[in-house]
Amino acid sequence: MTQGIYVGDAPDAADRIEARWADIRDRAREVVPPSGAAQYSHEVNHPFR
């Protein structure tokens, strides 16, 4: 799982994605959670990045 980004549903969402494409593709801090619970924890603790 990558860190990802939060874009939201603003009218300029596509532009935000384009502007942050390098961040979206960045796999430097990628993690493979050892369990479904760890994946859940990752998702709920990083909601708006």
C-alpha atoms as a PDB file:
ATOM      1  CA  MET A   1       0.000   0.000   0.000  1.00  0.00           C
ATOM      2  CA  THR A   2       1.243   3.436  -0.849  1.00  0.00           C
ATOM      3  CA  GLN A   3       0.590   6.548   1.222  1.00  0.00           C
ATOM      4  CA  GLY A   4      -1.695   7.963  -1.464  1.00  0.00           C
ATOM      5  CA  ILE A   5      -3.319  11.382  -1.413  1.00  0.00           C
ATOM      6  CA  TYR A   6      -6.711  12.821  -0.544  1.00  0.00           C
ATOM      7  CA  VAL A   7      -8.423  14.636  -3.402  1.00  0.00           C
ATOM      8  CA  GLY A   8     -12.043  14.898  -2.337  1.00  0.00           C
ATOM      9  CA  ASP A   9     -14.928  15.616  -4.673  1.00  0.00           C
ATOM     10  CA  ALA A  10     -14.198  19.224  -5.592  1.00  0.00           C
ATOM     11  CA  PRO A  11     -14.862  20.351  -9.161  1.00  0.00           C
ATOM     12  CA  ASP A  12     -11.089  20.551  -9.753  1.00  0.00           C
ATOM     13  CA  ALA A  13     -10.398  16.990  -8.549  1.00  0.00           C
ATOM     14  CA  ALA A  14      -8.910  15.951 -11.905  1.00  0.00           C
ATOM     15  CA  ASP A  15      -6.528  18.919 -11.811  1.00  0.00           C
ATOM     16  CA  ARG A  16      -5.509  18.040  -8.253  1.00  0.00           C
ATOM     17  CA  ILE A  17      -4.738  14.483  -9.313  1.00  0.00           C
ATOM     18  CA  GLU A  18      -2.683  15.720 -12.257  1.00  0.00           C
ATOM     19  CA  ALA A  19      -0.763  18.148 -10.043  1.00  0.00           C
ATOM     20  CA  ARG A  20       0.044  15.436  -7.488  1.00  0.00           C
ATOM     21  CA  TRP A  21       0.722  12.570  -9.912  1.00  0.00           C
ATOM     22  CA  ALA A  22       4.318  12.193  -8.674  1.00  0.00           C
ATOM     23  CA  ASP A  23       3.027  11.789  -5.108  1.00  0.00           C
ATOM     24  CA  ILE A  24       0.475   9.211  -6.256  1.00  0.00           C
ATOM     25  CA  ARG A  25       3.132   7.158  -8.037  1.00  0.00           C
ATOM     26  CA  ASP A  26       5.689   7.418  -5.206  1.00  0.00           C
ATOM     27  CA  ARG A  27       6.285   3.965  -3.780  1.00  0.00           C
ATOM     28  CA  ALA A  28       9.183   4.922  -1.502  1.00  0.00           C
ATOM     29  CA  ARG A  29       7.148   4.412   1.686  1.00  0.00           C
ATOM     30  CA  GLU A  30       5.076   1.503   0.398  1.00  0.00           C
ATOM     31  CA  VAL A  31       4.062  -1.090   2.975  1.00  0.00           C
ATOM     32  CA  VAL A  32       2.612  -4.572   2.823  1.00  0.00           C
ATOM     33  CA  PRO A  33       0.370  -5.018   5.840  1.00  0.00           C
ATOM     34  CA  PRO A  34       0.737  -8.374   7.570  1.00  0.00           C
ATOM     35  CA  SER A  35      -3.024  -8.690   8.097  1.00  0.00           C
ATOM     36  CA  GLY A  36      -6.401  -7.251   7.247  1.00  0.00           C
ATOM     37  CA  ALA A  37      -6.469  -5.560  10.632  1.00  0.00           C
ATOM     38  CA  ALA A  38      -3.165  -3.822   9.891  1.00  0.00           C
ATOM     39  CA  GLN A  39      -4.508  -2.668   6.526  1.00  0.00           C
ATOM     40  CA  TYR A  40      -7.610  -1.284   8.218  1.00  0.00           C
ATOM     41  CA  SER A  41      -5.478   0.552  10.753  1.00  0.00           C
ATOM     42  CA  HIS A  42      -3.391   2.073   7.974  1.00  0.00           C
ATOM     43  CA  GLU A  43      -6.478   3.267   6.112  1.00  0.00           C
ATOM     44  CA  VAL A  44      -8.247   4.866   9.069  1.00  0.00           C
ATOM     45  CA  ASN A  45      -5.098   6.523  10.419  1.00  0.00           C
ATOM     46  CA  HIS A  46      -4.168   8.175   7.085  1.00  0.00           C
ATOM     47  CA  PRO A  47      -7.519   9.393   5.766  1.00  0.00           C
ATOM     48  CA  PHE A  48      -6.827  12.844   4.361  1.00  0.00           C
ATOM     49  CA  ARG A  49      -3.305  12.944   2.981  1.00  0.00           C
END
